[in-house]
Amino acid sequence: MNLKEILNKNKGFKEFLIKIGILIGIFLILPVVLFPFLEMSRYSKNNPDPLGHLFLVDIGVVVLVAILAFILISRDKLIKIKEYKYYKRPGLIFTICSLISITSYLILRYYTAHNTQTALQYHWLFFCLILVNVILIFFFMVLAIFNIKFIIDFIDNFKKELSLCIGLSIIAYIFIIKIRASWYLLGGFVAKSVAFLLKLSFKNEVMFSINNHSIILGVRNFTASIGTPCSGIESISMFLLLFLLIFAYDYKILNKKRMFVVLIPGLIGTVLVNILRIYLLYLAGVFVSPQFAVGMFHSNIGWILFLVYFIFFWFFAYKWVKGGNINKKLKEYDKSKK
């Protein structure tokens, strides 16, 4: 049964996919709409972010991995999910609550960005307030799209899978933080590769230097430092974690040798996608604006490209690594019948 037949037969699953698409669409559009407000609230070295090393981008990547992991683990149960009636009034109320949380978040960001002493003096208060608003934005948005009845039943039906994905998310976040220490070697390779691509595009207008763990790359009027987020460490970490999850979950039906074979091109592809991301970032800095490049573009293009690459890669690779063992079992079955 192909995807089209599954969607036609299971209206609840079709409804679920549509709502997930709406949720992802909102989070893609939201930074674009809020970009002017976020630019007015940008933190500097002299005015640090109250969230400190709790990078929202990392949390977003971890949530993305958790969603992908959940779909992989629960795919057989998800296609059997039932259809739910949507209630407009609660949906409208939760939408308003989400908008209030977004407004509160923007006000807090703007205040802490322009009142350094107060933000530092009451660091933990602003830390909690900003983090709570980020959580509430997502929480109310989910309730607005899916409604309470669906969420309650969904948690009850998928509690084991959700618990596993929450645990994976925590492990993934800790893994990202720990592995950052080795960013420099990979960052240097990525920077040299991007510099090569920029020289092909802009010839003698590229400035590039590496010294004392500092990587500076510039083209025309846009210069930036290649740091940990640009090295691709996070993308490789996410790919490895999801790879191990797929291997552990479908261990019995996968061809182990083929899984090892696809791991190498999978990792190489992840690095190449990251190089493309940084190259596109510099193009955005030159042709759009430096503020746009280091702001909204930098925060969102990474996880979008990773998601597209991961789905595309496994769409083809999974059939191959699964096919080997199935063919082998069919041959063994035919021999046993004879």
C-alpha atoms as a PDB file:
ATOM      1  CA  MET A   1       0.000   0.000   0.000  1.00  0.00           C
ATOM      2  CA  ASN A   2       1.478   3.349  -1.079  1.00  0.00           C
ATOM      3  CA  LEU A   3       1.196   6.691   0.754  1.00  0.00           C
ATOM      4  CA  LYS A   4      -1.742   7.907  -1.363  1.00  0.00           C
ATOM      5  CA  GLU A   5      -3.785   4.777  -0.555  1.00  0.00           C
ATOM      6  CA  ILE A   6      -2.905   5.076   3.137  1.00  0.00           C
ATOM      7  CA  LEU A   7      -4.037   8.720   3.237  1.00  0.00           C
ATOM      8  CA  ASN A   8      -7.304   7.930   1.424  1.00  0.00           C
ATOM      9  CA  LYS A   9      -8.054   5.035   3.746  1.00  0.00           C
ATOM     10  CA  ASN A  10      -6.970   6.681   7.028  1.00  0.00           C
ATOM     11  CA  LYS A  11      -8.533  10.138   7.322  1.00  0.00           C
ATOM     12  CA  GLY A  12      -7.227  10.547  10.877  1.00  0.00           C
ATOM     13  CA  PHE A  13      -3.637  10.092   9.702  1.00  0.00           C
ATOM     14  CA  LYS A  14      -4.219  12.504   6.816  1.00  0.00           C
ATOM     15  CA  GLU A  15      -5.636  15.076   9.252  1.00  0.00           C
ATOM     16  CA  PHE A  16      -2.621  14.587  11.537  1.00  0.00           C
ATOM     17  CA  LEU A  17      -0.127  15.169   8.688  1.00  0.00           C
ATOM     18  CA  ILE A  18      -1.974  18.317   7.562  1.00  0.00           C
ATOM     19  CA  LYS A  19      -1.884  19.764  11.085  1.00  0.00           C
ATOM     20  CA  ILE A  20       1.799  18.891  11.488  1.00  0.00           C
ATOM     21  CA  GLY A  21       2.409  20.691   8.182  1.00  0.00           C
ATOM     22  CA  ILE A  22       0.507  23.741   9.459  1.00  0.00           C
ATOM     23  CA  LEU A  23       2.569  23.747  12.676  1.00  0.00           C
ATOM     24  CA  ILE A  24       5.880  23.542  10.786  1.00  0.00           C
ATOM     25  CA  GLY A  25       4.659  26.196   8.333  1.00  0.00           C
ATOM     26  CA  ILE A  26       3.877  28.593  11.185  1.00  0.00           C
ATOM     27  CA  PHE A  27       7.359  28.154  12.651  1.00  0.00           C
ATOM     28  CA  LEU A  28       8.867  28.808   9.220  1.00  0.00           C
ATOM     29  CA  ILE A  29       6.825  31.966   8.644  1.00  0.00           C
ATOM     30  CA  LEU A  30       7.039  33.302  12.215  1.00  0.00           C
ATOM     31  CA  PRO A  31      10.744  34.343  12.072  1.00  0.00           C
ATOM     32  CA  VAL A  32      10.086  36.128   8.758  1.00  0.00           C
ATOM     33  CA  VAL A  33       7.183  38.109  10.229  1.00  0.00           C
ATOM     34  CA  LEU A  34       9.010  38.870  13.479  1.00  0.00           C
ATOM     35  CA  PHE A  35      12.383  39.640  11.887  1.00  0.00           C
ATOM     36  CA  PRO A  36      12.139  43.484  12.257  1.00  0.00           C
ATOM     37  CA  PHE A  37      11.255  43.121  15.956  1.00  0.00           C
ATOM     38  CA  LEU A  38      14.004  40.562  16.592  1.00  0.00           C
ATOM     39  CA  GLU A  39      16.567  42.846  14.923  1.00  0.00           C
ATOM     40  CA  MET A  40      15.698  45.614  17.407  1.00  0.00           C
ATOM     41  CA  SER A  41      16.365  43.151  20.237  1.00  0.00           C
ATOM     42  CA  ARG A  42      19.694  41.713  19.114  1.00  0.00           C
ATOM     43  CA  TYR A  43      22.133  40.965  21.966  1.00  0.00           C
ATOM     44  CA  SER A  44      25.795  41.991  21.822  1.00  0.00           C
ATOM     45  CA  LYS A  45      28.951  40.882  23.636  1.00  0.00           C
ATOM     46  CA  ASN A  46      28.492  43.717  26.108  1.00  0.00           C
ATOM     47  CA  ASN A  47      24.841  42.826  26.526  1.00  0.00           C
ATOM     48  CA  PRO A  48      24.656  39.010  26.762  1.00  0.00           C
ATOM     49  CA  ASP A  49      21.580  36.891  26.140  1.00  0.00           C
ATOM     50  CA  PRO A  50      19.899  35.955  29.477  1.00  0.00           C
ATOM     51  CA  LEU A  51      19.513  32.392  28.191  1.00  0.00           C
ATOM     52  CA  GLY A  52      23.323  32.186  28.032  1.00  0.00           C
ATOM     53  CA  HIS A  53      24.516  28.863  26.571  1.00  0.00           C
ATOM     54  CA  LEU A  54      20.982  27.496  26.317  1.00  0.00           C
ATOM     55  CA  PHE A  55      20.866  28.042  22.555  1.00  0.00           C
ATOM     56  CA  LEU A  56      17.329  28.117  21.172  1.00  0.00           C
ATOM     57  CA  VAL A  57      18.691  26.932  17.813  1.00  0.00           C
ATOM     58  CA  ASP A  58      20.087  23.801  19.495  1.00  0.00           C
ATOM     59  CA  ILE A  59      16.764  23.198  21.226  1.00  0.00           C
ATOM     60  CA  GLY A  60      15.008  23.580  17.873  1.00  0.00           C
ATOM     61  CA  VAL A  61      17.355  21.037  16.248  1.00  0.00           C
ATOM     62  CA  VAL A  62      16.828  18.605  19.131  1.00  0.00           C
ATOM     63  CA  VAL A  63      13.037  18.978  18.842  1.00  0.00           C
ATOM     64  CA  LEU A  64      13.332  18.295  15.113  1.00  0.00           C
ATOM     65  CA  VAL A  65      15.318  15.115  15.801  1.00  0.00           C
ATOM     66  CA  ALA A  66      12.747  14.070  18.406  1.00  0.00           C
ATOM     67  CA  ILE A  67       9.913  14.533  15.876  1.00  0.00           C
ATOM     68  CA  LEU A  68      11.754  12.507  13.223  1.00  0.00           C
ATOM     69  CA  ALA A  69      12.555   9.814  15.791  1.00  0.00           C
ATOM     70  CA  PHE A  70       8.918   9.713  16.915  1.00  0.00           C
ATOM     71  CA  ILE A  71       7.671   9.282  13.342  1.00  0.00           C
ATOM     72  CA  LEU A  72      10.171   6.460  12.766  1.00  0.00           C
ATOM     73  CA  ILE A  73       9.240   4.654  15.976  1.00  0.00           C
ATOM     74  CA  SER A  74       5.470   5.185  15.740  1.00  0.00           C
ATOM     75  CA  ARG A  75       4.885   4.960  11.988  1.00  0.00           C
ATOM     76  CA  ASP A  76       2.762   1.788  12.204  1.00  0.00           C
ATOM     77  CA  LYS A  77       0.529   3.220  14.945  1.00  0.00           C
ATOM     78  CA  LEU A  78       0.289   6.683  13.386  1.00  0.00           C
ATOM     79  CA  ILE A  79      -1.431   5.454  10.220  1.00  0.00           C
ATOM     80  CA  LYS A  80      -4.200   4.013  12.443  1.00  0.00           C
ATOM     81  CA  ILE A  81      -4.847   7.242  14.318  1.00  0.00           C
ATOM     82  CA  LYS A  82      -8.544   8.225  14.336  1.00  0.00           C
ATOM     83  CA  GLU A  83     -10.146  11.427  13.090  1.00  0.00           C
ATOM     84  CA  TYR A  84     -11.118  14.138  15.595  1.00  0.00           C
ATOM     85  CA  LYS A  85     -13.688  16.913  15.387  1.00  0.00           C
ATOM     86  CA  TYR A  86     -12.111  20.358  15.491  1.00  0.00           C
ATOM     87  CA  TYR A  87     -13.636  22.887  17.917  1.00  0.00           C
ATOM     88  CA  LYS A  88     -13.156  26.468  16.693  1.00  0.00           C
ATOM     89  CA  ARG A  89     -13.749  28.314  19.967  1.00  0.00           C
ATOM     90  CA  PRO A  90     -10.969  26.607  22.002  1.00  0.00           C
ATOM     91  CA  GLY A  91      -8.743  26.897  18.915  1.00  0.00           C
ATOM     92  CA  LEU A  92      -9.322  30.670  18.805  1.00  0.00           C
ATOM     93  CA  ILE A  93      -8.680  31.027  22.563  1.00  0.00           C
ATOM     94  CA  PHE A  94      -5.374  29.137  22.375  1.00  0.00           C
ATOM     95  CA  THR A  95      -4.353  31.134  19.293  1.00  0.00           C
ATOM     96  CA  ILE A  96      -4.864  34.359  21.277  1.00  0.00           C
ATOM     97  CA  CYS A  97      -2.858  32.872  24.177  1.00  0.00           C
ATOM     98  CA  SER A  98      -0.049  32.016  21.760  1.00  0.00           C
ATOM     99  CA  LEU A  99      -0.033  35.578  20.364  1.00  0.00           C
ATOM    100  CA  ILE A 100       0.120  36.973  23.914  1.00  0.00           C
ATOM    101  CA  SER A 101       3.111  34.703  24.651  1.00  0.00           C
ATOM    102  CA  ILE A 102       4.858  35.852  21.460  1.00  0.00           C
ATOM    103  CA  THR A 103       4.266  39.506  22.399  1.00  0.00           C
ATOM    104  CA  SER A 104       5.552  38.887  25.920  1.00  0.00           C
ATOM    105  CA  TYR A 105       8.664  37.161  24.548  1.00  0.00           C
ATOM    106  CA  LEU A 106       9.430  40.079  22.211  1.00  0.00           C
ATOM    107  CA  ILE A 107       8.955  42.627  25.019  1.00  0.00           C
ATOM    108  CA  LEU A 108      11.300  40.663  27.298  1.00  0.00           C
ATOM    109  CA  ARG A 109      13.933  40.374  24.571  1.00  0.00           C
ATOM    110  CA  TYR A 110      13.736  44.081  23.771  1.00  0.00           C
ATOM    111  CA  TYR A 111      13.914  45.083  27.445  1.00  0.00           C
ATOM    112  CA  THR A 112      16.898  42.853  28.285  1.00  0.00           C
ATOM    113  CA  ALA A 113      18.717  43.954  25.106  1.00  0.00           C
ATOM    114  CA  HIS A 114      18.425  47.630  26.064  1.00  0.00           C
ATOM    115  CA  ASN A 115      18.735  47.407  29.861  1.00  0.00           C
ATOM    116  CA  THR A 116      21.998  45.582  30.454  1.00  0.00           C
ATOM    117  CA  GLN A 117      22.476  46.278  34.167  1.00  0.00           C
ATOM    118  CA  THR A 118      18.940  45.259  35.127  1.00  0.00           C
ATOM    119  CA  ALA A 119      19.127  42.126  32.944  1.00  0.00           C
ATOM    120  CA  LEU A 120      22.411  41.078  34.577  1.00  0.00           C
ATOM    121  CA  GLN A 121      21.225  41.925  38.095  1.00  0.00           C
ATOM    122  CA  TYR A 122      18.081  39.811  37.722  1.00  0.00           C
ATOM    123  CA  HIS A 123      19.588  37.264  35.357  1.00  0.00           C
ATOM    124  CA  TRP A 124      17.721  34.184  36.609  1.00  0.00           C
ATOM    125  CA  LEU A 125      14.378  35.989  36.660  1.00  0.00           C
ATOM    126  CA  PHE A 126      14.692  36.994  32.992  1.00  0.00           C
ATOM    127  CA  PHE A 127      16.117  33.570  32.137  1.00  0.00           C
ATOM    128  CA  CYS A 128      12.985  31.885  33.525  1.00  0.00           C
ATOM    129  CA  LEU A 129      10.566  34.413  32.015  1.00  0.00           C
ATOM    130  CA  ILE A 130      12.027  34.171  28.498  1.00  0.00           C
ATOM    131  CA  LEU A 131      12.264  30.373  28.594  1.00  0.00           C
ATOM    132  CA  VAL A 132       8.706  30.005  29.920  1.00  0.00           C
ATOM    133  CA  ASN A 133       7.396  32.236  27.122  1.00  0.00           C
ATOM    134  CA  VAL A 134       9.221  30.166  24.485  1.00  0.00           C
ATOM    135  CA  ILE A 135       7.625  26.992  25.896  1.00  0.00           C
ATOM    136  CA  LEU A 136       4.183  28.618  26.105  1.00  0.00           C
ATOM    137  CA  ILE A 137       4.341  29.795  22.481  1.00  0.00           C
ATOM    138  CA  PHE A 138       4.841  26.221  21.308  1.00  0.00           C
ATOM    139  CA  PHE A 139       2.379  24.778  23.871  1.00  0.00           C
ATOM    140  CA  PHE A 140      -0.516  27.094  22.990  1.00  0.00           C
ATOM    141  CA  MET A 141       0.171  26.765  19.272  1.00  0.00           C
ATOM    142  CA  VAL A 142      -0.059  22.959  19.476  1.00  0.00           C
ATOM    143  CA  LEU A 143      -3.321  23.222  21.434  1.00  0.00           C
ATOM    144  CA  ALA A 144      -4.730  25.736  18.930  1.00  0.00           C
ATOM    145  CA  ILE A 145      -4.048  23.404  15.992  1.00  0.00           C
ATOM    146  CA  PHE A 146      -4.858  19.998  17.521  1.00  0.00           C
ATOM    147  CA  ASN A 147      -7.297  20.774  20.403  1.00  0.00           C
ATOM    148  CA  ILE A 148      -7.176  19.355  23.941  1.00  0.00           C
ATOM    149  CA  LYS A 149      -9.102  16.086  23.330  1.00  0.00           C
ATOM    150  CA  PHE A 150      -6.671  15.008  20.622  1.00  0.00           C
ATOM    151  CA  ILE A 151      -3.609  15.904  22.747  1.00  0.00           C
ATOM    152  CA  ILE A 152      -4.907  13.926  25.777  1.00  0.00           C
ATOM    153  CA  ASP A 153      -5.670  10.820  23.697  1.00  0.00           C
ATOM    154  CA  PHE A 154      -2.419  11.187  21.752  1.00  0.00           C
ATOM    155  CA  ILE A 155      -0.314  11.267  24.936  1.00  0.00           C
ATOM    156  CA  ASP A 156      -2.220   8.289  26.333  1.00  0.00           C
ATOM    157  CA  ASN A 157      -1.804   6.211  23.148  1.00  0.00           C
ATOM    158  CA  PHE A 158       1.833   7.116  22.509  1.00  0.00           C
ATOM    159  CA  LYS A 159       3.215   7.558  26.042  1.00  0.00           C
ATOM    160  CA  LYS A 160       5.979   4.948  25.586  1.00  0.00           C
ATOM    161  CA  GLU A 161       7.108   6.411  22.278  1.00  0.00           C
ATOM    162  CA  LEU A 162       6.951   9.977  23.602  1.00  0.00           C
ATOM    163  CA  SER A 163       8.947   9.018  26.704  1.00  0.00           C
ATOM    164  CA  LEU A 164      11.613   7.416  24.509  1.00  0.00           C
ATOM    165  CA  CYS A 165      11.812  10.533  22.308  1.00  0.00           C
ATOM    166  CA  ILE A 166      12.053  12.873  25.319  1.00  0.00           C
ATOM    167  CA  GLY A 167      14.917  10.747  26.632  1.00  0.00           C
ATOM    168  CA  LEU A 168      16.562  10.844  23.198  1.00  0.00           C
ATOM    169  CA  SER A 169      16.157  14.644  23.121  1.00  0.00           C
ATOM    170  CA  ILE A 170      17.953  15.049  26.449  1.00  0.00           C
ATOM    171  CA  ILE A 171      20.779  12.746  25.328  1.00  0.00           C
ATOM    172  CA  ALA A 172      21.010  14.591  22.000  1.00  0.00           C
ATOM    173  CA  TYR A 173      21.245  18.004  23.673  1.00  0.00           C
ATOM    174  CA  ILE A 174      23.961  16.848  26.101  1.00  0.00           C
ATOM    175  CA  PHE A 175      25.810  15.174  23.211  1.00  0.00           C
ATOM    176  CA  ILE A 176      25.760  18.415  21.178  1.00  0.00           C
ATOM    177  CA  ILE A 177      27.121  20.452  24.096  1.00  0.00           C
ATOM    178  CA  LYS A 178      29.909  17.942  24.813  1.00  0.00           C
ATOM    179  CA  ILE A 179      30.998  17.417  21.211  1.00  0.00           C
ATOM    180  CA  ARG A 180      31.404  21.168  20.603  1.00  0.00           C
ATOM    181  CA  ALA A 181      34.944  20.944  21.953  1.00  0.00           C
ATOM    182  CA  SER A 182      36.076  19.304  18.692  1.00  0.00           C
ATOM    183  CA  TRP A 183      34.474  21.870  16.387  1.00  0.00           C
ATOM    184  CA  TYR A 184      37.690  23.593  15.248  1.00  0.00           C
ATOM    185  CA  LEU A 185      39.072  20.885  12.922  1.00  0.00           C
ATOM    186  CA  LEU A 186      35.773  20.400  11.133  1.00  0.00           C
ATOM    187  CA  GLY A 187      35.147  24.161  11.179  1.00  0.00           C
ATOM    188  CA  GLY A 188      38.469  24.758   9.408  1.00  0.00           C
ATOM    189  CA  PHE A 189      37.585  22.288   6.651  1.00  0.00           C
ATOM    190  CA  VAL A 190      34.126  23.833   6.201  1.00  0.00           C
ATOM    191  CA  ALA A 191      35.585  27.360   6.117  1.00  0.00           C
ATOM    192  CA  LYS A 192      38.196  26.413   3.471  1.00  0.00           C
ATOM    193  CA  SER A 193      35.531  24.720   1.357  1.00  0.00           C
ATOM    194  CA  VAL A 194      33.196  27.730   1.570  1.00  0.00           C
ATOM    195  CA  ALA A 195      36.121  30.071   0.791  1.00  0.00           C
ATOM    196  CA  PHE A 196      36.846  28.001  -2.336  1.00  0.00           C
ATOM    197  CA  LEU A 197      33.209  28.287  -3.494  1.00  0.00           C
ATOM    198  CA  LEU A 198      33.162  32.026  -2.785  1.00  0.00           C
ATOM    199  CA  LYS A 199      36.373  32.526  -4.777  1.00  0.00           C
ATOM    200  CA  LEU A 200      34.716  30.799  -7.716  1.00  0.00           C
ATOM    201  CA  SER A 201      31.784  33.205  -7.371  1.00  0.00           C
ATOM    202  CA  PHE A 202      33.561  36.454  -6.412  1.00  0.00           C
ATOM    203  CA  LYS A 203      37.203  35.877  -7.516  1.00  0.00           C
ATOM    204  CA  ASN A 204      39.502  38.332  -5.626  1.00  0.00           C
ATOM    205  CA  GLU A 205      36.852  39.745  -3.301  1.00  0.00           C
ATOM    206  CA  VAL A 206      37.238  37.020  -0.642  1.00  0.00           C
ATOM    207  CA  MET A 207      39.134  37.502   2.641  1.00  0.00           C
ATOM    208  CA  PHE A 208      40.055  34.359   4.609  1.00  0.00           C
ATOM    209  CA  SER A 209      42.230  33.779   7.701  1.00  0.00           C
ATOM    210  CA  ILE A 210      42.721  31.060  10.330  1.00  0.00           C
ATOM    211  CA  ASN A 211      44.733  31.673  13.509  1.00  0.00           C
ATOM    212  CA  ASN A 212      44.537  30.832  17.222  1.00  0.00           C
ATOM    213  CA  HIS A 213      41.242  28.955  16.892  1.00  0.00           C
ATOM    214  CA  SER A 214      39.710  31.944  15.127  1.00  0.00           C
ATOM    215  CA  ILE A 215      38.323  31.532  11.588  1.00  0.00           C
ATOM    216  CA  ILE A 216      37.387  34.717   9.723  1.00  0.00           C
ATOM    217  CA  LEU A 217      35.785  34.638   6.288  1.00  0.00           C
ATOM    218  CA  GLY A 218      34.537  37.655   4.367  1.00  0.00           C
ATOM    219  CA  VAL A 219      33.344  38.594   0.917  1.00  0.00           C
ATOM    220  CA  ARG A 220      32.639  42.154  -0.274  1.00  0.00           C
ATOM    221  CA  ASN A 221      30.843  43.988   2.557  1.00  0.00           C
ATOM    222  CA  PHE A 222      30.030  40.876   4.605  1.00  0.00           C
ATOM    223  CA  THR A 223      32.526  39.394   7.079  1.00  0.00           C
ATOM    224  CA  ALA A 224      31.781  36.826   9.772  1.00  0.00           C
ATOM    225  CA  SER A 225      33.515  34.425  12.090  1.00  0.00           C
ATOM    226  CA  ILE A 226      33.086  30.700  11.429  1.00  0.00           C
ATOM    227  CA  GLY A 227      32.309  29.345  14.882  1.00  0.00           C
ATOM    228  CA  THR A 228      30.862  26.195  16.453  1.00  0.00           C
ATOM    229  CA  PRO A 229      27.346  26.510  14.960  1.00  0.00           C
ATOM    230  CA  CYS A 230      28.865  26.775  11.461  1.00  0.00           C
ATOM    231  CA  SER A 231      31.164  23.748  11.779  1.00  0.00           C
ATOM    232  CA  GLY A 232      28.421  21.158  11.217  1.00  0.00           C
ATOM    233  CA  ILE A 233      29.048  19.326  14.500  1.00  0.00           C
ATOM    234  CA  GLU A 234      25.341  19.512  15.382  1.00  0.00           C
ATOM    235  CA  SER A 235      24.233  18.122  12.008  1.00  0.00           C
ATOM    236  CA  ILE A 236      26.649  15.194  12.246  1.00  0.00           C
ATOM    237  CA  SER A 237      25.533  14.517  15.824  1.00  0.00           C
ATOM    238  CA  MET A 238      21.875  14.496  14.785  1.00  0.00           C
ATOM    239  CA  PHE A 239      22.540  12.226  11.810  1.00  0.00           C
ATOM    240  CA  LEU A 240      24.454   9.724  13.964  1.00  0.00           C
ATOM    241  CA  LEU A 241      21.782   9.676  16.682  1.00  0.00           C
ATOM    242  CA  LEU A 242      18.983   9.102  14.164  1.00  0.00           C
ATOM    243  CA  PHE A 243      21.092   6.510  12.337  1.00  0.00           C
ATOM    244  CA  LEU A 244      21.598   4.559  15.585  1.00  0.00           C
ATOM    245  CA  LEU A 245      17.895   4.871  16.383  1.00  0.00           C
ATOM    246  CA  ILE A 246      16.892   3.424  12.981  1.00  0.00           C
ATOM    247  CA  PHE A 247      19.468   0.655  13.370  1.00  0.00           C
ATOM    248  CA  ALA A 248      18.288  -0.245  16.892  1.00  0.00           C
ATOM    249  CA  TYR A 249      14.577  -0.115  16.041  1.00  0.00           C
ATOM    250  CA  ASP A 250      14.710  -2.109  12.773  1.00  0.00           C
ATOM    251  CA  TYR A 251      17.712  -4.268  13.706  1.00  0.00           C
ATOM    252  CA  LYS A 252      16.053  -7.563  12.717  1.00  0.00           C
ATOM    253  CA  ILE A 253      15.036  -6.555   9.194  1.00  0.00           C
ATOM    254  CA  LEU A 254      18.064  -4.474   8.169  1.00  0.00           C
ATOM    255  CA  ASN A 255      21.119  -5.672   6.291  1.00  0.00           C
ATOM    256  CA  LYS A 256      23.968  -4.821   8.715  1.00  0.00           C
ATOM    257  CA  LYS A 257      26.670  -4.618   6.030  1.00  0.00           C
ATOM    258  CA  ARG A 258      24.576  -2.273   3.916  1.00  0.00           C
ATOM    259  CA  MET A 259      23.830  -0.089   6.946  1.00  0.00           C
ATOM    260  CA  PHE A 260      27.575   0.330   7.496  1.00  0.00           C
ATOM    261  CA  VAL A 261      28.038   1.142   3.798  1.00  0.00           C
ATOM    262  CA  VAL A 262      25.382   3.909   3.781  1.00  0.00           C
ATOM    263  CA  LEU A 263      26.775   5.467   6.973  1.00  0.00           C
ATOM    264  CA  ILE A 264      29.854   6.865   5.190  1.00  0.00           C
ATOM    265  CA  PRO A 265      28.053   8.640   2.296  1.00  0.00           C
ATOM    266  CA  GLY A 266      25.400   9.747   4.799  1.00  0.00           C
ATOM    267  CA  LEU A 267      28.000  11.554   6.927  1.00  0.00           C
ATOM    268  CA  ILE A 268      29.754  12.976   3.847  1.00  0.00           C
ATOM    269  CA  GLY A 269      26.407  14.267   2.589  1.00  0.00           C
ATOM    270  CA  THR A 270      25.727  15.898   5.968  1.00  0.00           C
ATOM    271  CA  VAL A 271      29.040  17.781   5.787  1.00  0.00           C
ATOM    272  CA  LEU A 272      28.362  18.850   2.174  1.00  0.00           C
ATOM    273  CA  VAL A 273      24.891  20.120   3.112  1.00  0.00           C
ATOM    274  CA  ASN A 274      26.458  22.190   5.899  1.00  0.00           C
ATOM    275  CA  ILE A 275      29.010  23.660   3.450  1.00  0.00           C
ATOM    276  CA  LEU A 276      26.099  24.575   1.168  1.00  0.00           C
ATOM    277  CA  ARG A 277      24.335  26.194   4.146  1.00  0.00           C
ATOM    278  CA  ILE A 278      27.295  28.452   4.994  1.00  0.00           C
ATOM    279  CA  TYR A 279      27.822  29.308   1.314  1.00  0.00           C
ATOM    280  CA  LEU A 280      24.159  30.335   1.012  1.00  0.00           C
ATOM    281  CA  LEU A 281      24.505  32.349   4.220  1.00  0.00           C
ATOM    282  CA  TYR A 282      27.322  34.406   2.670  1.00  0.00           C
ATOM    283  CA  LEU A 283      25.295  34.899  -0.502  1.00  0.00           C
ATOM    284  CA  ALA A 284      22.420  36.150   1.667  1.00  0.00           C
ATOM    285  CA  GLY A 285      24.849  38.502   3.457  1.00  0.00           C
ATOM    286  CA  VAL A 286      26.086  39.944   0.150  1.00  0.00           C
ATOM    287  CA  PHE A 287      22.877  40.139  -1.869  1.00  0.00           C
ATOM    288  CA  VAL A 288      20.250  40.717   0.867  1.00  0.00           C
ATOM    289  CA  SER A 289      21.821  42.131   4.054  1.00  0.00           C
ATOM    290  CA  PRO A 290      24.346  41.094   6.747  1.00  0.00           C
ATOM    291  CA  GLN A 291      21.633  41.469   9.407  1.00  0.00           C
ATOM    292  CA  PHE A 292      19.314  39.096   7.572  1.00  0.00           C
ATOM    293  CA  ALA A 293      22.132  36.576   7.023  1.00  0.00           C
ATOM    294  CA  VAL A 294      23.337  36.351  10.633  1.00  0.00           C
ATOM    295  CA  GLY A 295      19.803  36.663  11.999  1.00  0.00           C
ATOM    296  CA  MET A 296      16.798  34.874  10.578  1.00  0.00           C
ATOM    297  CA  PHE A 297      18.619  33.066   7.760  1.00  0.00           C
ATOM    298  CA  HIS A 298      21.346  31.656  10.027  1.00  0.00           C
ATOM    299  CA  SER A 299      18.802  30.518  12.626  1.00  0.00           C
ATOM    300  CA  ASN A 300      16.519  28.633  10.241  1.00  0.00           C
ATOM    301  CA  ILE A 301      18.330  27.468   7.100  1.00  0.00           C
ATOM    302  CA  GLY A 302      20.353  24.812   8.975  1.00  0.00           C
ATOM    303  CA  TRP A 303      17.514  22.694  10.302  1.00  0.00           C
ATOM    304  CA  ILE A 304      15.477  23.135   7.095  1.00  0.00           C
ATOM    305  CA  LEU A 305      18.312  21.813   4.915  1.00  0.00           C
ATOM    306  CA  PHE A 306      19.057  19.006   7.384  1.00  0.00           C
ATOM    307  CA  LEU A 307      15.408  17.924   7.420  1.00  0.00           C
ATOM    308  CA  VAL A 308      15.184  17.912   3.605  1.00  0.00           C
ATOM    309  CA  TYR A 309      18.487  16.038   3.286  1.00  0.00           C
ATOM    310  CA  PHE A 310      17.665  13.452   5.960  1.00  0.00           C
ATOM    311  CA  ILE A 311      14.254  12.617   4.459  1.00  0.00           C
ATOM    312  CA  PHE A 312      15.664  12.514   0.910  1.00  0.00           C
ATOM    313  CA  PHE A 313      18.643  10.352   1.953  1.00  0.00           C
ATOM    314  CA  TRP A 314      16.634   7.773   3.877  1.00  0.00           C
ATOM    315  CA  PHE A 315      13.866   7.651   1.288  1.00  0.00           C
ATOM    316  CA  PHE A 316      16.360   5.920  -1.015  1.00  0.00           C
ATOM    317  CA  ALA A 317      18.792   4.376   1.489  1.00  0.00           C
ATOM    318  CA  TYR A 318      16.181   2.665   3.668  1.00  0.00           C
ATOM    319  CA  LYS A 319      14.765   0.640   0.777  1.00  0.00           C
ATOM    320  CA  TRP A 320      18.251  -0.603  -0.053  1.00  0.00           C
ATOM    321  CA  VAL A 321      19.364  -1.516   3.495  1.00  0.00           C
ATOM    322  CA  LYS A 322      16.010  -3.169   4.150  1.00  0.00           C
ATOM    323  CA  GLY A 323      15.835  -4.977   0.806  1.00  0.00           C
ATOM    324  CA  GLY A 324      18.993  -7.001   1.338  1.00  0.00           C
ATOM    325  CA  ASN A 325      17.706  -8.897   4.340  1.00  0.00           C
ATOM    326  CA  ILE A 326      14.203  -9.356   2.906  1.00  0.00           C
ATOM    327  CA  ASN A 327      15.584 -10.953  -0.265  1.00  0.00           C
ATOM    328  CA  LYS A 328      17.808 -13.191   1.817  1.00  0.00           C
ATOM    329  CA  LYS A 329      14.879 -14.311   3.974  1.00  0.00           C
ATOM    330  CA  LEU A 330      12.760 -15.007   0.890  1.00  0.00           C
ATOM    331  CA  LYS A 331      15.526 -17.230  -0.538  1.00  0.00           C
ATOM    332  CA  GLU A 332      15.819 -19.092   2.784  1.00  0.00           C
ATOM    333  CA  TYR A 333      12.052 -19.534   2.841  1.00  0.00           C
ATOM    334  CA  ASP A 334      12.015 -20.927  -0.732  1.00  0.00           C
ATOM    335  CA  LYS A 335      14.819 -23.387   0.126  1.00  0.00           C
ATOM    336  CA  SER A 336      12.966 -24.585   3.243  1.00  0.00           C
ATOM    337  CA  LYS A 337       9.846 -25.281   1.146  1.00  0.00           C
ATOM    338  CA  LYS A 338      11.807 -27.350  -1.310  1.00  0.00           C
END
